[in-house]
C-alpha cells in the first residue's frame, strides 16, 4: 500500500474535511497555548510550530499547524488553505492490542 508523503493542503470549499480540521486545530491550539502559559508563564507565538500525530494503522506521521490558525479565528476569519505534512516512518507503529 502506498502512503501519502510530503506537503498536502486542504482548501476551503474544495476539501470536505477542511472546516472540521480547522476547528480541531483552533481548539487544540487554544488548549496548547493555555497549557504553555500555565506551565511556563509565557507563550512565544512568533515561532512556527507543528503538532505531531502518529498514525496507528499505517507507519506514518502527520504534522499539523499549531500556530496561526487561532489568530486567524480571533480575527473572525478562516484560512483558505491548511498545510499538512505527511511522513512515512521506517518502522510500523506498535500494536496497541498487547
PDB file of N, CA and C in Angstrom:
ATOM      1  N   UNK A   1       0.845  -1.183   0.000  1.00  0.00           N
ATOM      2  CA  UNK A   1       0.000   0.000   0.000  1.00  0.00           C
ATOM      3  C   UNK A   1       0.889   1.244   0.000  1.00  0.00           C
ATOM      4  N   UNK A   2       0.542   2.197  -0.802  1.00  0.00           N
ATOM      5  CA  UNK A   2       1.300   3.443  -0.828  1.00  0.00           C
ATOM      6  C   UNK A   2       0.731   4.406   0.197  1.00  0.00           C
ATOM      7  N   UNK A   3       1.579   5.283   0.676  1.00  0.00           N
ATOM      8  CA  UNK A   3       1.177   6.261   1.685  1.00  0.00           C
ATOM      9  C   UNK A   3       1.421   7.657   1.131  1.00  0.00           C
ATOM     10  N   UNK A   4       0.626   8.581   1.586  1.00  0.00           N
ATOM     11  CA  UNK A   4       0.847   9.975   1.236  1.00  0.00           C
ATOM     12  C   UNK A   4       2.125  10.447   1.907  1.00  0.00           C
ATOM     13  N   UNK A   5       2.910  11.206   1.203  1.00  0.00           N
ATOM     14  CA  UNK A   5       4.095  11.800   1.807  1.00  0.00           C
ATOM     15  C   UNK A   5       4.226  13.231   1.316  1.00  0.00           C
ATOM     16  N   UNK A   6       4.915  14.032   2.104  1.00  0.00           N
ATOM     17  CA  UNK A   6       5.157  15.414   1.723  1.00  0.00           C
ATOM     18  C   UNK A   6       4.064  16.346   2.205  1.00  0.00           C
ATOM     19  N   UNK A   7       4.040  17.521   1.612  1.00  0.00           N
ATOM     20  CA  UNK A   7       3.099  18.565   1.995  1.00  0.00           C
ATOM     21  C   UNK A   7       1.778  18.360   1.255  1.00  0.00           C
ATOM     22  N   UNK A   8       0.705  18.313   2.023  1.00  0.00           N
ATOM     23  CA  UNK A   8      -0.634  18.141   1.462  1.00  0.00           C
ATOM     24  C   UNK A   8      -1.486  19.294   1.984  1.00  0.00           C
ATOM     25  N   UNK A   9      -2.277  19.876   1.128  1.00  0.00           N
ATOM     26  CA  UNK A   9      -3.122  21.009   1.508  1.00  0.00           C
ATOM     27  C   UNK A   9      -4.581  20.592   1.585  1.00  0.00           C
ATOM     28  N   UNK A  10      -5.315  21.227   2.502  1.00  0.00           N
ATOM     29  CA  UNK A  10      -6.769  21.199   2.424  1.00  0.00           C
ATOM     30  C   UNK A  10      -7.187  22.624   2.095  1.00  0.00           C
ATOM     31  N   UNK A  11      -8.169  22.755   1.246  1.00  0.00           N
ATOM     32  CA  UNK A  11      -8.614  24.084   0.816  1.00  0.00           C
ATOM     33  C   UNK A  11     -10.099  24.257   1.090  1.00  0.00           C
ATOM     34  N   UNK A  12     -10.460  25.443   1.548  1.00  0.00           N
ATOM     35  CA  UNK A  12     -11.853  25.762   1.853  1.00  0.00           C
ATOM     36  C   UNK A  12     -12.703  25.661   0.589  1.00  0.00           C
ATOM     37  N   UNK A  13     -13.826  24.975   0.714  1.00  0.00           N
ATOM     38  CA  UNK A  13     -14.737  24.819  -0.408  1.00  0.00           C
ATOM     39  C   UNK A  13     -14.322  23.745  -1.397  1.00  0.00           C
ATOM     40  N   UNK A  14     -13.154  23.162  -1.187  1.00  0.00           N
ATOM     41  CA  UNK A  14     -12.642  22.149  -2.117  1.00  0.00           C
ATOM     42  C   UNK A  14     -12.519  20.783  -1.442  1.00  0.00           C
ATOM     43  N   UNK A  15     -12.152  20.777  -0.174  1.00  0.00           N
ATOM     44  CA  UNK A  15     -11.976  19.532   0.576  1.00  0.00           C
ATOM     45  C   UNK A  15     -12.983  19.492   1.719  1.00  0.00           C
ATOM     46  N   UNK A  16     -13.704  18.403   1.827  1.00  0.00           N
ATOM     47  CA  UNK A  16     -14.802  18.316   2.798  1.00  0.00           C
ATOM     48  C   UNK A  16     -14.347  18.343   4.251  1.00  0.00           C
ATOM     49  N   UNK A  17     -13.104  17.984   4.543  1.00  0.00           N
ATOM     50  CA  UNK A  17     -12.638  17.973   5.920  1.00  0.00           C
ATOM     51  C   UNK A  17     -11.932  19.258   6.335  1.00  0.00           C
ATOM     52  N   UNK A  18     -11.816  20.213   5.427  1.00  0.00           N
ATOM     53  CA  UNK A  18     -11.084  21.446   5.714  1.00  0.00           C
ATOM     54  C   UNK A  18     -11.655  22.190   6.933  1.00  0.00           C
ATOM     55  N   UNK A  19     -12.955  22.407   6.951  1.00  0.00           N
ATOM     56  CA  UNK A  19     -13.568  23.161   8.049  1.00  0.00           C
ATOM     57  C   UNK A  19     -13.445  22.414   9.373  1.00  0.00           C
ATOM     58  N   UNK A  20     -13.635  21.107   9.344  1.00  0.00           N
ATOM     59  CA  UNK A  20     -13.513  20.318  10.579  1.00  0.00           C
ATOM     60  C   UNK A  20     -12.075  20.304  11.080  1.00  0.00           C
ATOM     61  N   UNK A  21     -11.113  20.189  10.163  1.00  0.00           N
ATOM     62  CA  UNK A  21      -9.705  20.214  10.549  1.00  0.00           C
ATOM     63  C   UNK A  21      -9.351  21.571  11.149  1.00  0.00           C
ATOM     64  N   UNK A  22      -9.852  22.639  10.556  1.00  0.00           N
ATOM     65  CA  UNK A  22      -9.600  23.981  11.083  1.00  0.00           C
ATOM     66  C   UNK A  22     -10.147  24.115  12.507  1.00  0.00           C
ATOM     67  N   UNK A  23     -11.378  23.661  12.733  1.00  0.00           N
ATOM     68  CA  UNK A  23     -11.981  23.729  14.063  1.00  0.00           C
ATOM     69  C   UNK A  23     -11.168  22.920  15.071  1.00  0.00           C
ATOM     70  N   UNK A  24     -10.774  21.714  14.695  1.00  0.00           N
ATOM     71  CA  UNK A  24      -9.967  20.865  15.583  1.00  0.00           C
ATOM     72  C   UNK A  24      -8.635  21.529  15.922  1.00  0.00           C
ATOM     73  N   UNK A  25      -7.988  22.124  14.935  1.00  0.00           N
ATOM     74  CA  UNK A  25      -6.693  22.755  15.161  1.00  0.00           C
ATOM     75  C   UNK A  25      -6.810  24.040  15.984  1.00  0.00           C
ATOM     76  N   UNK A  26      -7.881  24.796  15.811  1.00  0.00           N
ATOM     77  CA  UNK A  26      -8.097  26.001  16.631  1.00  0.00           C
ATOM     78  C   UNK A  26      -8.301  25.596  18.092  1.00  0.00           C
ATOM     79  N   UNK A  27      -9.098  24.559  18.322  1.00  0.00           N
ATOM     80  CA  UNK A  27      -9.316  24.084  19.694  1.00  0.00           C
ATOM     81  C   UNK A  27      -8.031  23.534  20.297  1.00  0.00           C
ATOM     82  N   UNK A  28      -7.280  22.765  19.526  1.00  0.00           N
ATOM     83  CA  UNK A  28      -6.024  22.198  20.001  1.00  0.00           C
ATOM     84  C   UNK A  28      -5.024  23.300  20.327  1.00  0.00           C
ATOM     85  N   UNK A  29      -4.936  24.305  19.469  1.00  0.00           N
ATOM     86  CA  UNK A  29      -4.024  25.426  19.711  1.00  0.00           C
ATOM     87  C   UNK A  29      -4.442  26.190  20.967  1.00  0.00           C
ATOM     88  N   UNK A  30      -5.735  26.360  21.167  1.00  0.00           N
ATOM     89  CA  UNK A  30      -6.227  27.070  22.358  1.00  0.00           C
ATOM     90  C   UNK A  30      -5.795  26.365  23.636  1.00  0.00           C
ATOM     91  N   UNK A  31      -5.982  25.053  23.671  1.00  0.00           N
ATOM     92  CA  UNK A  31      -5.583  24.274  24.847  1.00  0.00           C
ATOM     93  C   UNK A  31      -4.060  24.298  24.999  1.00  0.00           C
ATOM     94  N   UNK A  32      -3.343  24.148  23.883  1.00  0.00           N
ATOM     95  CA  UNK A  32      -1.881  24.155  23.930  1.00  0.00           C
ATOM     96  C   UNK A  32      -1.310  25.482  24.406  1.00  0.00           C
ATOM     97  N   UNK A  33      -1.848  26.576  23.913  1.00  0.00           N
ATOM     98  CA  UNK A  33      -1.380  27.906  24.310  1.00  0.00           C
ATOM     99  C   UNK A  33      -1.685  28.155  25.786  1.00  0.00           C
ATOM    100  N   UNK A  34      -2.897  27.805  26.213  1.00  0.00           N
ATOM    101  CA  UNK A  34      -3.260  27.986  27.621  1.00  0.00           C
ATOM    102  C   UNK A  34      -2.376  27.126  28.523  1.00  0.00           C
ATOM    103  N   UNK A  35      -2.139  25.896  28.137  1.00  0.00           N
ATOM    104  CA  UNK A  35      -1.290  24.994  28.921  1.00  0.00           C
ATOM    105  C   UNK A  35       0.132  25.510  29.006  1.00  0.00           C
ATOM    106  N   UNK A  36       0.653  25.966  27.883  1.00  0.00           N
ATOM    107  CA  UNK A  36       2.008  26.520  27.851  1.00  0.00           C
ATOM    108  C   UNK A  36       2.120  27.731  28.766  1.00  0.00           C
ATOM    109  N   UNK A  37       1.107  28.570  28.749  1.00  0.00           N
ATOM    110  CA  UNK A  37       1.124  29.762  29.603  1.00  0.00           C
ATOM    111  C   UNK A  37       1.075  29.385  31.085  1.00  0.00           C
ATOM    112  N   UNK A  38       0.247  28.411  31.419  1.00  0.00           N
ATOM    113  CA  UNK A  38       0.140  27.981  32.811  1.00  0.00           C
ATOM    114  C   UNK A  38       1.462  27.383  33.286  1.00  0.00           C
ATOM    115  N   UNK A  39       2.096  26.572  32.461  1.00  0.00           N
ATOM    116  CA  UNK A  39       3.325  25.880  32.853  1.00  0.00           C
ATOM    117  C   UNK A  39       4.534  26.816  32.855  1.00  0.00           C
ATOM    118  N   UNK A  40       4.686  27.601  31.789  1.00  0.00           N
ATOM    119  CA  UNK A  40       5.894  28.411  31.630  1.00  0.00           C
ATOM    120  C   UNK A  40       5.696  29.898  31.945  1.00  0.00           C
ATOM    121  N   UNK A  41       4.458  30.336  32.058  1.00  0.00           N
ATOM    122  CA  UNK A  41       4.189  31.739  32.338  1.00  0.00           C
ATOM    123  C   UNK A  41       4.315  32.636  31.125  1.00  0.00           C
ATOM    124  N   UNK A  42       4.541  32.062  29.951  1.00  0.00           N
ATOM    125  CA  UNK A  42       4.655  32.832  28.706  1.00  0.00           C
ATOM    126  C   UNK A  42       4.405  31.898  27.518  1.00  0.00           C
ATOM    127  N   UNK A  43       4.106  32.510  26.399  1.00  0.00           N
ATOM    128  CA  UNK A  43       3.910  31.756  25.159  1.00  0.00           C
ATOM    129  C   UNK A  43       4.561  32.547  24.040  1.00  0.00           C
ATOM    130  N   UNK A  44       5.369  31.878  23.234  1.00  0.00           N
ATOM    131  CA  UNK A  44       6.014  32.520  22.087  1.00  0.00           C
ATOM    132  C   UNK A  44       5.264  32.134  20.822  1.00  0.00           C
ATOM    133  N   UNK A  45       4.466  33.063  20.303  1.00  0.00           N
ATOM    134  CA  UNK A  45       3.675  32.793  19.109  1.00  0.00           C
ATOM    135  C   UNK A  45       4.394  33.205  17.819  1.00  0.00           C
ATOM    136  N   UNK A  46       5.651  33.595  17.930  1.00  0.00           N
ATOM    137  CA  UNK A  46       6.388  34.001  16.727  1.00  0.00           C
ATOM    138  C   UNK A  46       7.025  32.812  16.021  1.00  0.00           C
ATOM    139  N   UNK A  47       7.149  31.695  16.717  1.00  0.00           N
ATOM    140  CA  UNK A  47       7.745  30.504  16.117  1.00  0.00           C
ATOM    141  C   UNK A  47       6.697  29.741  15.331  1.00  0.00           C
ATOM    142  N   UNK A  48       7.132  29.129  14.247  1.00  0.00           N
ATOM    143  CA  UNK A  48       6.245  28.234  13.507  1.00  0.00           C
ATOM    144  C   UNK A  48       6.274  26.894  14.216  1.00  0.00           C
ATOM    145  N   UNK A  49       5.127  26.438  14.646  1.00  0.00           N
ATOM    146  CA  UNK A  49       5.045  25.189  15.385  1.00  0.00           C
ATOM    147  C   UNK A  49       4.104  24.221  14.689  1.00  0.00           C
ATOM    148  N   UNK A  50       4.403  22.960  14.867  1.00  0.00           N
ATOM    149  CA  UNK A  50       3.576  21.903  14.305  1.00  0.00           C
ATOM    150  C   UNK A  50       3.189  20.925  15.397  1.00  0.00           C
ATOM    151  N   UNK A  51       2.021  20.316  15.243  1.00  0.00           N
ATOM    152  CA  UNK A  51       1.567  19.255  16.130  1.00  0.00           C
ATOM    153  C   UNK A  51       1.897  17.939  15.439  1.00  0.00           C
ATOM    154  N   UNK A  52       2.570  17.045  16.128  1.00  0.00           N
ATOM    155  CA  UNK A  52       2.889  15.740  15.562  1.00  0.00           C
ATOM    156  C   UNK A  52       1.846  14.714  15.961  1.00  0.00           C
ATOM    157  N   UNK A  53       1.363  13.964  14.992  1.00  0.00           N
ATOM    158  CA  UNK A  53       0.366  12.919  15.228  1.00  0.00           C
ATOM    159  C   UNK A  53       0.880  11.635  14.591  1.00  0.00           C
ATOM    160  N   UNK A  54       0.939  10.575  15.386  1.00  0.00           N
ATOM    161  CA  UNK A  54       1.341   9.272  14.854  1.00  0.00           C
ATOM    162  C   UNK A  54       0.112   8.514  14.394  1.00  0.00           C
ATOM    163  N   UNK A  55       0.207   7.912  13.234  1.00  0.00           N
ATOM    164  CA  UNK A  55      -0.859   7.089  12.703  1.00  0.00           C
ATOM    165  C   UNK A  55      -0.680   5.673  13.245  1.00  0.00           C
ATOM    166  N   UNK A  56      -1.718   5.085  13.794  1.00  0.00           N
ATOM    167  CA  UNK A  56      -1.627   3.744  14.352  1.00  0.00           C
ATOM    168  C   UNK A  56      -1.884   2.654  13.308  1.00  0.00           C
ATOM    169  N   UNK A  57      -2.616   2.978  12.258  1.00  0.00           N
ATOM    170  CA  UNK A  57      -2.946   1.977  11.248  1.00  0.00           C
ATOM    171  C   UNK A  57      -1.822   1.789  10.238  1.00  0.00           C
ATOM    172  N   UNK A  58      -1.106   2.846   9.913  1.00  0.00           N
ATOM    173  CA  UNK A  58      -0.031   2.794   8.934  1.00  0.00           C
ATOM    174  C   UNK A  58       1.238   3.388   9.547  1.00  0.00           C
ATOM    175  N   UNK A  59       2.400   3.035   9.030  1.00  0.00           N
ATOM    176  CA  UNK A  59       3.636   3.616   9.555  1.00  0.00           C
ATOM    177  C   UNK A  59       3.827   5.042   9.037  1.00  0.00           C
ATOM    178  N   UNK A  60       3.046   5.938   9.593  1.00  0.00           N
ATOM    179  CA  UNK A  60       3.086   7.318   9.111  1.00  0.00           C
ATOM    180  C   UNK A  60       3.003   8.292  10.277  1.00  0.00           C
ATOM    181  N   UNK A  61       3.501   9.489  10.031  1.00  0.00           N
ATOM    182  CA  UNK A  61       3.438  10.581  10.992  1.00  0.00           C
ATOM    183  C   UNK A  61       2.862  11.784  10.258  1.00  0.00           C
ATOM    184  N   UNK A  62       1.991  12.517  10.937  1.00  0.00           N
ATOM    185  CA  UNK A  62       1.371  13.698  10.340  1.00  0.00           C
ATOM    186  C   UNK A  62       1.771  14.899  11.188  1.00  0.00           C
ATOM    187  N   UNK A  63       2.167  15.968  10.534  1.00  0.00           N
ATOM    188  CA  UNK A  63       2.472  17.230  11.219  1.00  0.00           C
ATOM    189  C   UNK A  63       1.422  18.246  10.783  1.00  0.00           C
ATOM    190  N   UNK A  64       0.737  18.802  11.769  1.00  0.00           N
ATOM    191  CA  UNK A  64      -0.323  19.775  11.508  1.00  0.00           C
ATOM    192  C   UNK A  64       0.066  21.121  12.111  1.00  0.00           C
ATOM    193  N   UNK A  65      -0.393  22.220  11.514  1.00  0.00           N
ATOM    194  CA  UNK A  65      -0.020  23.536  12.039  1.00  0.00           C
ATOM    195  C   UNK A  65      -0.634  23.797  13.404  1.00  0.00           C
ATOM    196  N   UNK A  66       0.168  24.376  14.295  1.00  0.00           N
ATOM    197  CA  UNK A  66      -0.295  24.725  15.637  1.00  0.00           C
ATOM    198  C   UNK A  66      -0.399  26.230  15.788  1.00  0.00           C
ATOM    199  N   UNK A  67       0.360  26.951  15.034  1.00  0.00           N
ATOM    200  CA  UNK A  67       0.433  28.398  15.181  1.00  0.00           C
ATOM    201  C   UNK A  67      -0.217  29.077  13.972  1.00  0.00           C
ATOM    202  N   UNK A  68      -1.001  30.078  14.214  1.00  0.00           N
ATOM    203  CA  UNK A  68      -1.571  30.867  13.126  1.00  0.00           C
ATOM    204  C   UNK A  68      -3.068  30.703  12.951  1.00  0.00           C
ATOM    205  N   UNK A  69      -3.576  29.484  13.114  1.00  0.00           N
ATOM    206  CA  UNK A  69      -5.000  29.266  12.884  1.00  0.00           C
ATOM    207  C   UNK A  69      -5.862  29.896  13.980  1.00  0.00           C
ATOM    208  N   UNK A  70      -5.383  29.868  15.223  1.00  0.00           N
ATOM    209  CA  UNK A  70      -6.123  30.525  16.303  1.00  0.00           C
ATOM    210  C   UNK A  70      -6.169  32.031  16.073  1.00  0.00           C
ATOM    211  N   UNK A  71      -5.038  32.604  15.681  1.00  0.00           N
ATOM    212  CA  UNK A  71      -5.002  34.040  15.417  1.00  0.00           C
ATOM    213  C   UNK A  71      -5.959  34.404  14.280  1.00  0.00           C
ATOM    214  N   UNK A  72      -6.030  33.561  13.267  1.00  0.00           N
ATOM    215  CA  UNK A  72      -6.957  33.794  12.160  1.00  0.00           C
ATOM    216  C   UNK A  72      -8.399  33.764  12.668  1.00  0.00           C
ATOM    217  N   UNK A  73      -8.728  32.788  13.512  1.00  0.00           N
ATOM    218  CA  UNK A  73     -10.085  32.684  14.060  1.00  0.00           C
ATOM    219  C   UNK A  73     -10.420  33.888  14.931  1.00  0.00           C
ATOM    220  N   UNK A  74      -9.440  34.370  15.719  1.00  0.00           N
ATOM    221  CA  UNK A  74      -9.679  35.537  16.571  1.00  0.00           C
ATOM    222  C   UNK A  74      -9.903  36.805  15.755  1.00  0.00           C
ATOM    223  N   UNK A  75      -9.423  36.813  14.518  1.00  0.00           N
ATOM    224  CA  UNK A  75      -9.666  37.935  13.605  1.00  0.00           C
ATOM    225  C   UNK A  75     -10.953  37.744  12.811  1.00  0.00           C
ATOM    226  N   UNK A  76     -11.791  36.788  13.274  1.00  0.00           N
ATOM    227  CA  UNK A  76     -13.076  36.496  12.636  1.00  0.00           C
ATOM    228  C   UNK A  76     -12.908  36.128  11.163  1.00  0.00           C
ATOM    229  N   UNK A  77     -11.913  35.320  10.896  1.00  0.00           N
ATOM    230  CA  UNK A  77     -11.626  34.890   9.532  1.00  0.00           C
ATOM    231  C   UNK A  77     -11.377  33.388   9.526  1.00  0.00           C
ATOM    232  N   UNK A  78     -11.290  32.824   8.338  1.00  0.00           N
ATOM    233  CA  UNK A  78     -10.995  31.401   8.170  1.00  0.00           C
ATOM    234  C   UNK A  78      -9.865  31.252   7.161  1.00  0.00           C
ATOM    235  N   UNK A  79      -8.992  30.263   7.367  1.00  0.00           N
ATOM    236  CA  UNK A  79      -7.917  30.067   6.399  1.00  0.00           C
ATOM    237  C   UNK A  79      -8.460  29.479   5.092  1.00  0.00           C
ATOM    238  N   UNK A  80      -7.914  29.929   3.995  1.00  0.00           N
ATOM    239  CA  UNK A  80      -8.300  29.372   2.701  1.00  0.00           C
ATOM    240  C   UNK A  80      -7.616  28.040   2.453  1.00  0.00           C
ATOM    241  N   UNK A  81      -6.442  27.863   3.111  1.00  0.00           N
ATOM    242  CA  UNK A  81      -5.663  26.658   2.900  1.00  0.00           C
ATOM    243  C   UNK A  81      -4.960  26.281   4.201  1.00  0.00           C
ATOM    244  N   UNK A  82      -4.905  24.985   4.497  1.00  0.00           N
ATOM    245  CA  UNK A  82      -4.169  24.474   5.653  1.00  0.00           C
ATOM    246  C   UNK A  82      -3.129  23.488   5.135  1.00  0.00           C
ATOM    247  N   UNK A  83      -1.870  23.700   5.519  1.00  0.00           N
ATOM    248  CA  UNK A  83      -0.785  22.816   5.106  1.00  0.00           C
ATOM    249  C   UNK A  83      -0.620  21.689   6.118  1.00  0.00           C
ATOM    250  N   UNK A  84      -0.556  20.467   5.625  1.00  0.00           N
ATOM    251  CA  UNK A  84      -0.336  19.285   6.447  1.00  0.00           C
ATOM    252  C   UNK A  84       0.882  18.563   5.880  1.00  0.00           C
ATOM    253  N   UNK A  85       1.684  17.987   6.739  1.00  0.00           N
ATOM    254  CA  UNK A  85       2.890  17.291   6.309  1.00  0.00           C
ATOM    255  C   UNK A  85       2.786  15.819   6.689  1.00  0.00           C
ATOM    256  N   UNK A  86       2.939  14.940   5.713  1.00  0.00           N
ATOM    257  CA  UNK A  86       2.877  13.504   5.943  1.00  0.00           C
ATOM    258  C   UNK A  86       4.260  12.909   5.730  1.00  0.00           C
ATOM    259  N   UNK A  87       4.654  12.030   6.666  1.00  0.00           N
ATOM    260  CA  UNK A  87       5.956  11.378   6.562  1.00  0.00           C
ATOM    261  C   UNK A  87       5.779   9.906   6.890  1.00  0.00           C
ATOM    262  N   UNK A  88       6.318   9.057   6.037  1.00  0.00           N
ATOM    263  CA  UNK A  88       6.303   7.620   6.309  1.00  0.00           C
ATOM    264  C   UNK A  88       7.413   7.300   7.296  1.00  0.00           C
ATOM    265  N   UNK A  89       7.085   6.474   8.263  1.00  0.00           N
ATOM    266  CA  UNK A  89       8.092   6.017   9.222  1.00  0.00           C
ATOM    267  C   UNK A  89       8.775   4.778   8.667  1.00  0.00           C
ATOM    268  N   UNK A  90       9.962   4.516   9.130  1.00  0.00           N
ATOM    269  CA  UNK A  90      10.679   3.340   8.665  1.00  0.00           C
ATOM    270  C   UNK A  90      10.198   2.065   9.327  1.00  0.00           C
ATOM    271  N   UNK A  91       9.617   2.186  10.519  1.00  0.00           N
ATOM    272  CA  UNK A  91       9.104   1.018  11.226  1.00  0.00           C
ATOM    273  C   UNK A  91       7.616   1.182  11.460  1.00  0.00           C
ATOM    274  N   UNK A  92       6.856   0.087  11.390  1.00  0.00           N
ATOM    275  CA  UNK A  92       5.417   0.185  11.683  1.00  0.00           C
ATOM    276  C   UNK A  92       5.189   0.545  13.144  1.00  0.00           C
ATOM    277  N   UNK A  93       4.063   1.191  13.446  1.00  0.00           N
ATOM    278  CA  UNK A  93       3.770   1.543  14.836  1.00  0.00           C
ATOM    279  C   UNK A  93       3.539   0.297  15.675  1.00  0.00           C
ATOM    280  N   UNK A  94       3.696   0.440  16.981  1.00  0.00           N
ATOM    281  CA  UNK A  94       3.489  -0.698  17.886  1.00  0.00           C
ATOM    282  C   UNK A  94       2.021  -1.097  17.934  1.00  0.00           C
ATOM    283  N   UNK A  95       1.792  -2.324  18.304  1.00  0.00           N
ATOM    284  CA  UNK A  95       0.436  -2.867  18.392  1.00  0.00           C
ATOM    285  C   UNK A  95      -0.178  -2.486  19.729  1.00  0.00           C
ATOM    286  N   UNK A  96      -1.310  -1.797  19.708  1.00  0.00           N
ATOM    287  CA  UNK A  96      -1.963  -1.384  20.948  1.00  0.00           C
ATOM    288  C   UNK A  96      -2.711  -2.533  21.623  1.00  0.00           C
ATOM    289  N   UNK A  97      -2.953  -3.616  20.893  1.00  0.00           N
ATOM    290  CA  UNK A  97      -3.700  -4.741  21.435  1.00  0.00           C
ATOM    291  C   UNK A  97      -2.889  -5.526  22.467  1.00  0.00           C
ATOM    292  N   UNK A  98      -1.601  -5.375  22.514  1.00  0.00           N
ATOM    293  CA  UNK A  98      -0.835  -6.092  23.511  1.00  0.00           C
ATOM    294  C   UNK A  98       0.380  -6.655  22.913  1.00  0.00           C
TER     295      UNK A  98
END
